[in-house]
Amino acid sequence: MKLQPIEKREGLTSEEFRDEYLLPRKPVIFKDLIKDWPATDKWTFDWFRKNYGHLEVPLFGNDFHDAGKHYMASKRKMKFGDYLTLIENEPTELRMFLYNIFDHAPELVNDFSMPDIINGWNKRYYYMFFGGQGSSVNLHYDIDCSHVFLSQFQTKKKVYLFAPNQGELLYHQPFTVKSQMDVNNPDYEKYPALKYVEGLTGTLEHGETLFMPSQYWHHMEYVEGGFGLALRAYTDWTMLAGAAKNLATHFVIDKGLNKIMGERWSHWKKEKARENAQHAMQKMELA
């Protein structure tokens, strides 16, 4: 597996961004895209705890993708304030996502705005993500196929990115948007196709924003307990078509067969991913 650093830029115009990153579908980290947002300085652990600590939130652990009746289910619930104190002070695998805090605190939208760096923003679908030190987001690409602009607040997050064409080499499990690969500890004996994978990596710091093009594979690690905000944009109809297809296969086929077959379905997906990776590796060796 070969990794190159993600470029960091500031002062990009919309034209420069379009030509250098958007059209070629190339990731970049903006150092200054959200410098004028109230949220950049306002959103702290103490501020969220004081104003929204009473909310009860679902939390997810490392078993999120384990087959069976708890597949993609939350691990526990906790008061938001207690959870913030936990991730601010100690490591934990627990993460908060698939919970739209804006449904419960709609006034938060006044603290940020859609940057004019691009058109096509989805102004109804944005999420915040929270995680403790050492927690991570398993390798996957976003099911909605949008371009994602992920801004980080207060603390640091490690990012690994892989282009869509690396999917088979990453042992993409069919009917899902995920891989079972451990990016930090690639097992080249068990997963030999990983030797041919090429990707990008970087550290996202407070006030920085990652541009992640549509269908880019990503693995995120919380270097410190912290939180971020993801805004999404669509620039052509094919992205929406891809989202519709993913949603259908994921919620109808994958979740349905997981319910019926459990571990047998999980085993089939892994074996099919291995078979596809073997074919992709053979093509690379013949090229």
C-alpha atoms as a PDB file:
ATOM      1  CA  MET A   1       0.000   0.000   0.000  1.00  0.00           C
ATOM      2  CA  LYS A   2       1.467   3.328  -1.097  1.00  0.00           C
ATOM      3  CA  LEU A   3       0.315   6.580   0.485  1.00  0.00           C
ATOM      4  CA  GLN A   4       0.993  10.160  -0.560  1.00  0.00           C
ATOM      5  CA  PRO A   5       0.144  13.310   1.473  1.00  0.00           C
ATOM      6  CA  ILE A   6      -3.108  15.180   0.830  1.00  0.00           C
ATOM      7  CA  GLU A   7      -2.392  18.693  -0.404  1.00  0.00           C
ATOM      8  CA  LYS A   8      -3.245  21.595   1.911  1.00  0.00           C
ATOM      9  CA  ARG A   9      -4.198  24.903   0.291  1.00  0.00           C
ATOM     10  CA  GLU A  10      -5.451  28.334   1.265  1.00  0.00           C
ATOM     11  CA  GLY A  11      -6.775  31.233  -0.753  1.00  0.00           C
ATOM     12  CA  LEU A  12      -8.211  28.991  -3.483  1.00  0.00           C
ATOM     13  CA  THR A  13     -10.676  30.702  -5.827  1.00  0.00           C
ATOM     14  CA  SER A  14     -13.724  28.802  -7.039  1.00  0.00           C
ATOM     15  CA  GLU A  15     -12.155  28.630 -10.517  1.00  0.00           C
ATOM     16  CA  GLU A  16      -8.896  27.220  -9.187  1.00  0.00           C
ATOM     17  CA  PHE A  17     -10.766  24.693  -7.070  1.00  0.00           C
ATOM     18  CA  ARG A  18     -12.899  23.625 -10.046  1.00  0.00           C
ATOM     19  CA  ASP A  19      -9.953  23.149 -12.392  1.00  0.00           C
ATOM     20  CA  GLU A  20      -7.415  21.656  -9.973  1.00  0.00           C
ATOM     21  CA  TYR A  21      -9.605  19.515  -7.704  1.00  0.00           C
ATOM     22  CA  LEU A  22     -13.319  19.292  -8.528  1.00  0.00           C
ATOM     23  CA  LEU A  23     -13.140  18.316 -12.197  1.00  0.00           C
ATOM     24  CA  PRO A  24     -10.215  15.881 -11.778  1.00  0.00           C
ATOM     25  CA  ARG A  25     -11.891  14.507  -8.626  1.00  0.00           C
ATOM     26  CA  LYS A  26      -8.795  15.146  -6.511  1.00  0.00           C
ATOM     27  CA  PRO A  27      -8.977  15.587  -2.705  1.00  0.00           C
ATOM     28  CA  VAL A  28      -7.609  18.687  -0.998  1.00  0.00           C
ATOM     29  CA  ILE A  29      -7.603  20.166   2.508  1.00  0.00           C
ATOM     30  CA  PHE A  30      -8.663  23.811   2.722  1.00  0.00           C
ATOM     31  CA  LYS A  31      -6.905  25.682   5.505  1.00  0.00           C
ATOM     32  CA  ASP A  32      -9.239  28.675   5.427  1.00  0.00           C
ATOM     33  CA  LEU A  33     -12.621  27.713   3.925  1.00  0.00           C
ATOM     34  CA  ILE A  34     -14.538  28.169   7.202  1.00  0.00           C
ATOM     35  CA  LYS A  35     -12.493  30.952   8.797  1.00  0.00           C
ATOM     36  CA  ASP A  36     -15.519  33.288   8.819  1.00  0.00           C
ATOM     37  CA  TRP A  37     -18.017  30.819  10.292  1.00  0.00           C
ATOM     38  CA  PRO A  38     -19.248  31.624  13.819  1.00  0.00           C
ATOM     39  CA  ALA A  39     -19.024  27.870  14.489  1.00  0.00           C
ATOM     40  CA  THR A  40     -15.256  27.851  14.023  1.00  0.00           C
ATOM     41  CA  ASP A  41     -14.686  29.592  17.359  1.00  0.00           C
ATOM     42  CA  LYS A  42     -18.080  29.097  18.981  1.00  0.00           C
ATOM     43  CA  TRP A  43     -18.433  25.336  18.863  1.00  0.00           C
ATOM     44  CA  THR A  44     -16.465  23.948  21.803  1.00  0.00           C
ATOM     45  CA  PHE A  45     -16.985  21.037  24.172  1.00  0.00           C
ATOM     46  CA  ASP A  46     -18.133  23.408  26.925  1.00  0.00           C
ATOM     47  CA  TRP A  47     -20.536  25.277  24.657  1.00  0.00           C
ATOM     48  CA  PHE A  48     -22.235  22.116  23.377  1.00  0.00           C
ATOM     49  CA  ARG A  49     -22.351  20.668  26.888  1.00  0.00           C
ATOM     50  CA  LYS A  50     -23.964  23.807  28.313  1.00  0.00           C
ATOM     51  CA  ASN A  51     -26.573  24.243  25.586  1.00  0.00           C
ATOM     52  CA  TYR A  52     -27.375  20.691  24.456  1.00  0.00           C
ATOM     53  CA  GLY A  53     -26.055  18.392  27.156  1.00  0.00           C
ATOM     54  CA  HIS A  54     -29.586  17.261  28.024  1.00  0.00           C
ATOM     55  CA  LEU A  55     -30.128  15.501  24.679  1.00  0.00           C
ATOM     56  CA  GLU A  56     -30.093  11.710  24.729  1.00  0.00           C
ATOM     57  CA  VAL A  57     -27.991  10.416  21.857  1.00  0.00           C
ATOM     58  CA  PRO A  58     -27.315   6.975  20.350  1.00  0.00           C
ATOM     59  CA  LEU A  59     -23.711   5.799  20.309  1.00  0.00           C
ATOM     60  CA  PHE A  60     -22.063   3.230  18.080  1.00  0.00           C
ATOM     61  CA  GLY A  61     -19.119   0.923  18.712  1.00  0.00           C
ATOM     62  CA  ASN A  62     -16.702  -1.186  16.709  1.00  0.00           C
ATOM     63  CA  ASP A  63     -19.331  -3.925  16.321  1.00  0.00           C
ATOM     64  CA  PHE A  64     -21.473  -1.698  14.062  1.00  0.00           C
ATOM     65  CA  HIS A  65     -20.966  -3.944  11.022  1.00  0.00           C
ATOM     66  CA  ASP A  66     -21.017  -7.309  12.809  1.00  0.00           C
ATOM     67  CA  ALA A  67     -23.505  -9.700  11.253  1.00  0.00           C
ATOM     68  CA  GLY A  68     -26.691 -10.641  13.079  1.00  0.00           C
ATOM     69  CA  LYS A  69     -29.697  -8.959  14.647  1.00  0.00           C
ATOM     70  CA  HIS A  70     -27.658  -5.974  15.872  1.00  0.00           C
ATOM     71  CA  TYR A  71     -26.190  -5.242  12.433  1.00  0.00           C
ATOM     72  CA  MET A  72     -25.771  -1.449  12.122  1.00  0.00           C
ATOM     73  CA  ALA A  73     -27.494  -0.871  15.459  1.00  0.00           C
ATOM     74  CA  SER A  74     -26.448   1.516  18.223  1.00  0.00           C
ATOM     75  CA  LYS A  75     -24.501   0.117  21.162  1.00  0.00           C
ATOM     76  CA  ARG A  76     -25.997   2.347  23.876  1.00  0.00           C
ATOM     77  CA  LYS A  77     -27.552   5.721  24.631  1.00  0.00           C
ATOM     78  CA  MET A  78     -26.158   8.501  26.792  1.00  0.00           C
ATOM     79  CA  LYS A  79     -26.809  12.099  27.671  1.00  0.00           C
ATOM     80  CA  PHE A  80     -24.961  14.236  25.157  1.00  0.00           C
ATOM     81  CA  GLY A  81     -23.222  16.198  27.892  1.00  0.00           C
ATOM     82  CA  ASP A  82     -21.915  13.035  29.529  1.00  0.00           C
ATOM     83  CA  TYR A  83     -20.703  11.761  26.182  1.00  0.00           C
ATOM     84  CA  LEU A  84     -18.851  15.008  25.464  1.00  0.00           C
ATOM     85  CA  THR A  85     -17.123  14.776  28.838  1.00  0.00           C
ATOM     86  CA  LEU A  86     -16.151  11.180  28.051  1.00  0.00           C
ATOM     87  CA  ILE A  87     -14.557  11.892  24.666  1.00  0.00           C
ATOM     88  CA  GLU A  88     -12.884  15.064  25.906  1.00  0.00           C
ATOM     89  CA  ASN A  89     -11.088  13.247  28.717  1.00  0.00           C
ATOM     90  CA  GLU A  90     -10.416   9.640  27.758  1.00  0.00           C
ATOM     91  CA  PRO A  91     -10.187   7.222  24.841  1.00  0.00           C
ATOM     92  CA  THR A  92     -13.325   5.344  23.817  1.00  0.00           C
ATOM     93  CA  GLU A  93     -14.519   3.430  20.769  1.00  0.00           C
ATOM     94  CA  LEU A  94     -17.949   5.079  21.031  1.00  0.00           C
ATOM     95  CA  ARG A  95     -18.895   7.405  18.195  1.00  0.00           C
ATOM     96  CA  MET A  96     -21.971   9.500  17.530  1.00  0.00           C
ATOM     97  CA  PHE A  97     -23.304   9.481  13.981  1.00  0.00           C
ATOM     98  CA  LEU A  98     -26.539   8.588  12.178  1.00  0.00           C
ATOM     99  CA  TYR A  99     -28.100  11.059  14.613  1.00  0.00           C
ATOM    100  CA  ASN A 100     -28.923  14.432  13.148  1.00  0.00           C
ATOM    101  CA  ILE A 101     -28.413  16.940  15.943  1.00  0.00           C
ATOM    102  CA  PHE A 102     -29.910  19.630  13.697  1.00  0.00           C
ATOM    103  CA  ASP A 103     -33.312  17.950  14.022  1.00  0.00           C
ATOM    104  CA  HIS A 104     -33.131  18.666  17.757  1.00  0.00           C
ATOM    105  CA  ALA A 105     -31.218  21.957  17.624  1.00  0.00           C
ATOM    106  CA  PRO A 106     -32.148  23.600  14.289  1.00  0.00           C
ATOM    107  CA  GLU A 107     -30.679  26.932  15.373  1.00  0.00           C
ATOM    108  CA  LEU A 108     -27.195  25.462  14.903  1.00  0.00           C
ATOM    109  CA  VAL A 109     -27.529  26.073  11.154  1.00  0.00           C
ATOM    110  CA  ASN A 110     -27.108  29.783  11.857  1.00  0.00           C
ATOM    111  CA  ASP A 111     -23.499  29.140  12.860  1.00  0.00           C
ATOM    112  CA  PHE A 112     -22.295  28.117   9.396  1.00  0.00           C
ATOM    113  CA  SER A 113     -23.044  28.753   5.738  1.00  0.00           C
ATOM    114  CA  MET A 114     -22.514  27.022   2.422  1.00  0.00           C
ATOM    115  CA  PRO A 115     -19.182  28.235   0.974  1.00  0.00           C
ATOM    116  CA  ASP A 116     -19.293  29.786  -2.483  1.00  0.00           C
ATOM    117  CA  ILE A 117     -16.429  27.558  -3.617  1.00  0.00           C
ATOM    118  CA  ILE A 118     -18.974  25.295  -5.357  1.00  0.00           C
ATOM    119  CA  ASN A 119     -22.648  25.128  -6.370  1.00  0.00           C
ATOM    120  CA  GLY A 120     -25.077  22.266  -5.846  1.00  0.00           C
ATOM    121  CA  TRP A 121     -25.117  22.159  -2.062  1.00  0.00           C
ATOM    122  CA  ASN A 122     -27.601  19.842  -0.398  1.00  0.00           C
ATOM    123  CA  LYS A 123     -29.091  22.277   2.105  1.00  0.00           C
ATOM    124  CA  ARG A 124     -31.247  19.653   3.815  1.00  0.00           C
ATOM    125  CA  TYR A 125     -28.684  16.949   4.492  1.00  0.00           C
ATOM    126  CA  TYR A 126     -25.738  17.714   6.738  1.00  0.00           C
ATOM    127  CA  TYR A 127     -24.428  15.881   9.764  1.00  0.00           C
ATOM    128  CA  MET A 128     -22.088  16.278  12.679  1.00  0.00           C
ATOM    129  CA  PHE A 129     -19.816  13.431  13.759  1.00  0.00           C
ATOM    130  CA  PHE A 130     -18.334  12.936  17.235  1.00  0.00           C
ATOM    131  CA  GLY A 131     -15.747  10.410  18.388  1.00  0.00           C
ATOM    132  CA  GLY A 132     -13.334   9.609  21.193  1.00  0.00           C
ATOM    133  CA  GLN A 133      -9.579   9.318  20.973  1.00  0.00           C
ATOM    134  CA  GLY A 134      -8.646   6.077  19.262  1.00  0.00           C
ATOM    135  CA  SER A 135     -12.066   5.534  17.701  1.00  0.00           C
ATOM    136  CA  SER A 136     -12.175   5.159  13.943  1.00  0.00           C
ATOM    137  CA  VAL A 137     -14.475   4.988  10.961  1.00  0.00           C
ATOM    138  CA  ASN A 138     -14.128   1.710   9.066  1.00  0.00           C
ATOM    139  CA  LEU A 139     -13.004   1.947   5.452  1.00  0.00           C
ATOM    140  CA  HIS A 140     -16.007   2.778   3.240  1.00  0.00           C
ATOM    141  CA  TYR A 141     -17.370   5.287   0.768  1.00  0.00           C
ATOM    142  CA  ASP A 142     -20.473   7.370   1.403  1.00  0.00           C
ATOM    143  CA  ILE A 143     -23.673   5.727   0.271  1.00  0.00           C
ATOM    144  CA  ASP A 144     -25.173   8.964  -1.101  1.00  0.00           C
ATOM    145  CA  CYS A 145     -22.327   9.471  -3.623  1.00  0.00           C
ATOM    146  CA  SER A 146     -22.073  13.207  -2.898  1.00  0.00           C
ATOM    147  CA  HIS A 147     -18.981  15.367  -2.764  1.00  0.00           C
ATOM    148  CA  VAL A 148     -18.232  15.836   0.941  1.00  0.00           C
ATOM    149  CA  PHE A 149     -16.687  18.849   2.663  1.00  0.00           C
ATOM    150  CA  LEU A 150     -15.689  17.717   6.161  1.00  0.00           C
ATOM    151  CA  SER A 151     -14.679  20.455   8.611  1.00  0.00           C
ATOM    152  CA  GLN A 152     -12.911  19.656  11.866  1.00  0.00           C
ATOM    153  CA  PHE A 153     -13.314  21.519  15.176  1.00  0.00           C
ATOM    154  CA  GLN A 154     -11.023  21.838  18.208  1.00  0.00           C
ATOM    155  CA  THR A 155      -8.969  18.672  17.765  1.00  0.00           C
ATOM    156  CA  LYS A 156      -7.247  16.499  15.131  1.00  0.00           C
ATOM    157  CA  LYS A 157      -8.398  13.684  12.891  1.00  0.00           C
ATOM    158  CA  LYS A 158      -6.286  11.376  10.726  1.00  0.00           C
ATOM    159  CA  VAL A 159      -7.596  10.746   7.221  1.00  0.00           C
ATOM    160  CA  TYR A 160      -6.886   7.998   4.674  1.00  0.00           C
ATOM    161  CA  LEU A 161      -8.367   8.297   1.170  1.00  0.00           C
ATOM    162  CA  PHE A 162      -8.514   5.969  -1.839  1.00  0.00           C
ATOM    163  CA  ALA A 163      -9.943   6.691  -5.283  1.00  0.00           C
ATOM    164  CA  PRO A 164     -13.088   4.835  -6.429  1.00  0.00           C
ATOM    165  CA  ASN A 165     -11.052   2.709  -8.856  1.00  0.00           C
ATOM    166  CA  GLN A 166      -9.217   1.141  -5.905  1.00  0.00           C
ATOM    167  CA  GLY A 167     -12.382  -0.556  -4.633  1.00  0.00           C
ATOM    168  CA  GLU A 168     -11.723  -4.116  -5.793  1.00  0.00           C
ATOM    169  CA  LEU A 169      -8.129  -4.004  -4.544  1.00  0.00           C
ATOM    170  CA  LEU A 170      -9.522  -2.867  -1.173  1.00  0.00           C
ATOM    171  CA  TYR A 171     -11.749  -5.966  -0.980  1.00  0.00           C
ATOM    172  CA  HIS A 172     -15.024  -4.106  -1.494  1.00  0.00           C
ATOM    173  CA  GLN A 173     -17.844  -6.219  -0.119  1.00  0.00           C
ATOM    174  CA  PRO A 174     -20.640  -6.507  -2.715  1.00  0.00           C
ATOM    175  CA  PHE A 175     -24.032  -4.922  -2.020  1.00  0.00           C
ATOM    176  CA  THR A 176     -22.364  -2.610   0.506  1.00  0.00           C
ATOM    177  CA  VAL A 177     -20.170   0.495   0.520  1.00  0.00           C
ATOM    178  CA  LYS A 178     -17.588  -0.983   2.876  1.00  0.00           C
ATOM    179  CA  SER A 179     -14.358  -2.930   3.098  1.00  0.00           C
ATOM    180  CA  GLN A 180     -13.096  -5.017   6.010  1.00  0.00           C
ATOM    181  CA  MET A 181      -9.521  -3.740   5.567  1.00  0.00           C
ATOM    182  CA  ASP A 182      -7.464  -2.489   8.511  1.00  0.00           C
ATOM    183  CA  VAL A 183      -5.656   0.444   6.919  1.00  0.00           C
ATOM    184  CA  ASN A 184      -3.107   0.725   9.723  1.00  0.00           C
ATOM    185  CA  ASN A 185      -2.209  -2.949   9.734  1.00  0.00           C
ATOM    186  CA  PRO A 186      -2.587  -4.327   6.210  1.00  0.00           C
ATOM    187  CA  ASP A 187      -2.216  -8.101   6.137  1.00  0.00           C
ATOM    188  CA  TYR A 188      -0.501  -8.687   2.803  1.00  0.00           C
ATOM    189  CA  GLU A 189      -0.482 -12.457   3.223  1.00  0.00           C
ATOM    190  CA  LYS A 190      -4.218 -12.661   3.793  1.00  0.00           C
ATOM    191  CA  TYR A 191      -5.069  -9.782   1.434  1.00  0.00           C
ATOM    192  CA  PRO A 192      -2.293  -9.704  -1.203  1.00  0.00           C
ATOM    193  CA  ALA A 193      -4.096  -7.236  -3.493  1.00  0.00           C
ATOM    194  CA  LEU A 194      -3.393  -4.504  -0.945  1.00  0.00           C
ATOM    195  CA  LYS A 195       0.185  -4.415  -2.240  1.00  0.00           C
ATOM    196  CA  TYR A 196      -1.122  -2.598  -5.316  1.00  0.00           C
ATOM    197  CA  VAL A 197      -3.306  -0.038  -3.519  1.00  0.00           C
ATOM    198  CA  GLU A 198      -2.424   3.646  -3.843  1.00  0.00           C
ATOM    199  CA  GLY A 199      -3.948   6.327  -1.650  1.00  0.00           C
ATOM    200  CA  LEU A 200      -3.612   9.583   0.245  1.00  0.00           C
ATOM    201  CA  THR A 201      -3.297  10.489   3.895  1.00  0.00           C
ATOM    202  CA  GLY A 202      -3.244  13.614   6.033  1.00  0.00           C
ATOM    203  CA  THR A 203      -4.198  15.130   9.379  1.00  0.00           C
ATOM    204  CA  LEU A 204      -7.242  17.383   9.546  1.00  0.00           C
ATOM    205  CA  GLU A 205      -6.849  20.097  12.207  1.00  0.00           C
ATOM    206  CA  HIS A 206      -9.156  22.640  13.820  1.00  0.00           C
ATOM    207  CA  GLY A 207     -10.661  24.988  11.231  1.00  0.00           C
ATOM    208  CA  GLU A 208      -9.582  22.899   8.250  1.00  0.00           C
ATOM    209  CA  THR A 209     -11.895  21.347   5.678  1.00  0.00           C
ATOM    210  CA  LEU A 210     -11.331  18.190   3.647  1.00  0.00           C
ATOM    211  CA  PHE A 211     -12.783  18.015   0.145  1.00  0.00           C
ATOM    212  CA  MET A 212     -13.587  14.368  -0.482  1.00  0.00           C
ATOM    213  CA  PRO A 213     -14.823  13.698  -4.044  1.00  0.00           C
ATOM    214  CA  SER A 214     -17.799  11.476  -4.727  1.00  0.00           C
ATOM    215  CA  GLN A 215     -17.348   7.780  -3.919  1.00  0.00           C
ATOM    216  CA  TYR A 216     -13.864   8.193  -2.470  1.00  0.00           C
ATOM    217  CA  TRP A 217     -13.008   5.429  -0.009  1.00  0.00           C
ATOM    218  CA  HIS A 218     -12.077   6.823   3.390  1.00  0.00           C
ATOM    219  CA  HIS A 219     -10.919   5.746   6.810  1.00  0.00           C
ATOM    220  CA  MET A 220     -10.991   8.307   9.647  1.00  0.00           C
ATOM    221  CA  GLU A 221      -9.246   8.124  13.021  1.00  0.00           C
ATOM    222  CA  TYR A 222      -9.770  10.425  15.975  1.00  0.00           C
ATOM    223  CA  VAL A 223      -6.264  11.396  17.065  1.00  0.00           C
ATOM    224  CA  GLU A 224      -8.013  13.190  19.929  1.00  0.00           C
ATOM    225  CA  GLY A 225     -11.640  13.161  20.975  1.00  0.00           C
ATOM    226  CA  GLY A 226     -13.430  15.682  18.804  1.00  0.00           C
ATOM    227  CA  PHE A 227     -16.093  16.484  16.259  1.00  0.00           C
ATOM    228  CA  GLY A 228     -16.673  17.620  12.700  1.00  0.00           C
ATOM    229  CA  LEU A 229     -19.369  18.812  10.306  1.00  0.00           C
ATOM    230  CA  ALA A 230     -19.980  17.335   6.853  1.00  0.00           C
ATOM    231  CA  LEU A 231     -21.619  19.363   4.091  1.00  0.00           C
ATOM    232  CA  ARG A 232     -22.579  17.675   0.837  1.00  0.00           C
ATOM    233  CA  ALA A 233     -22.881  18.779  -2.768  1.00  0.00           C
ATOM    234  CA  TYR A 234     -24.038  17.243  -6.063  1.00  0.00           C
ATOM    235  CA  THR A 235     -22.632  18.510  -9.335  1.00  0.00           C
ATOM    236  CA  ASP A 236     -24.256  16.129 -11.837  1.00  0.00           C
ATOM    237  CA  TRP A 237     -27.192  13.745 -12.094  1.00  0.00           C
ATOM    238  CA  THR A 238     -25.033  10.593 -12.168  1.00  0.00           C
ATOM    239  CA  MET A 239     -24.180  11.129  -8.506  1.00  0.00           C
ATOM    240  CA  LEU A 240     -27.887  11.072  -7.594  1.00  0.00           C
ATOM    241  CA  ALA A 241     -28.396   7.938  -9.708  1.00  0.00           C
ATOM    242  CA  GLY A 242     -25.534   6.246  -7.866  1.00  0.00           C
ATOM    243  CA  ALA A 243     -27.058   7.232  -4.539  1.00  0.00           C
ATOM    244  CA  ALA A 244     -30.431   5.733  -5.484  1.00  0.00           C
ATOM    245  CA  LYS A 245     -28.800   2.476  -6.560  1.00  0.00           C
ATOM    246  CA  ASN A 246     -26.743   2.238  -3.360  1.00  0.00           C
ATOM    247  CA  LEU A 247     -29.715   2.903  -1.124  1.00  0.00           C
ATOM    248  CA  ALA A 248     -31.749   0.194  -2.850  1.00  0.00           C
ATOM    249  CA  THR A 249     -29.056  -2.475  -2.689  1.00  0.00           C
ATOM    250  CA  HIS A 250     -28.038  -1.557   0.845  1.00  0.00           C
ATOM    251  CA  PHE A 251     -31.404  -1.379   2.553  1.00  0.00           C
ATOM    252  CA  VAL A 252     -33.236  -3.990   0.499  1.00  0.00           C
ATOM    253  CA  ILE A 253     -30.649  -6.600  -0.455  1.00  0.00           C
ATOM    254  CA  ASP A 254     -27.876  -6.302   2.139  1.00  0.00           C
ATOM    255  CA  LYS A 255     -29.941  -5.675   5.242  1.00  0.00           C
ATOM    256  CA  GLY A 256     -32.611  -8.101   4.072  1.00  0.00           C
ATOM    257  CA  LEU A 257     -30.208 -10.975   3.467  1.00  0.00           C
ATOM    258  CA  ASN A 258     -28.337 -10.192   6.681  1.00  0.00           C
ATOM    259  CA  LYS A 259     -31.616 -10.637   8.533  1.00  0.00           C
ATOM    260  CA  ILE A 260     -32.305 -13.935   6.776  1.00  0.00           C
ATOM    261  CA  MET A 261     -28.820 -15.448   6.567  1.00  0.00           C
ATOM    262  CA  GLY A 262     -26.781 -13.705   9.283  1.00  0.00           C
ATOM    263  CA  GLU A 263     -23.180 -14.969   9.340  1.00  0.00           C
ATOM    264  CA  ARG A 264     -23.607 -16.927   6.104  1.00  0.00           C
ATOM    265  CA  TRP A 265     -24.368 -13.692   4.236  1.00  0.00           C
ATOM    266  CA  SER A 266     -21.356 -11.988   5.812  1.00  0.00           C
ATOM    267  CA  HIS A 267     -19.135 -14.912   4.806  1.00  0.00           C
ATOM    268  CA  TRP A 268     -20.380 -14.817   1.191  1.00  0.00           C
ATOM    269  CA  LYS A 269     -19.641 -11.090   0.889  1.00  0.00           C
ATOM    270  CA  LYS A 270     -16.115 -11.544   2.192  1.00  0.00           C
ATOM    271  CA  GLU A 271     -15.402 -14.452  -0.135  1.00  0.00           C
ATOM    272  CA  LYS A 272     -16.797 -12.571  -3.128  1.00  0.00           C
ATOM    273  CA  ALA A 273     -14.642  -9.556  -2.212  1.00  0.00           C
ATOM    274  CA  ARG A 274     -11.601 -11.837  -2.076  1.00  0.00           C
ATOM    275  CA  GLU A 275     -12.441 -13.313  -5.496  1.00  0.00           C
ATOM    276  CA  ASN A 276     -12.875  -9.853  -7.067  1.00  0.00           C
ATOM    277  CA  ALA A 277      -9.622  -8.639  -5.522  1.00  0.00           C
ATOM    278  CA  GLN A 278      -7.771 -11.646  -6.925  1.00  0.00           C
ATOM    279  CA  HIS A 279      -9.012 -10.826 -10.429  1.00  0.00           C
ATOM    280  CA  ALA A 280      -8.058  -7.162 -10.039  1.00  0.00           C
ATOM    281  CA  MET A 281      -4.593  -8.135  -8.789  1.00  0.00           C
ATOM    282  CA  GLN A 282      -4.064 -10.437 -11.765  1.00  0.00           C
ATOM    283  CA  LYS A 283      -4.923  -7.584 -14.131  1.00  0.00           C
ATOM    284  CA  MET A 284      -2.379  -5.377 -12.377  1.00  0.00           C
ATOM    285  CA  GLU A 285       0.315  -8.035 -12.707  1.00  0.00           C
ATOM    286  CA  LEU A 286      -0.373  -8.497 -16.421  1.00  0.00           C
ATOM    287  CA  ALA A 287      -0.401  -4.755 -17.146  1.00  0.00           C
END
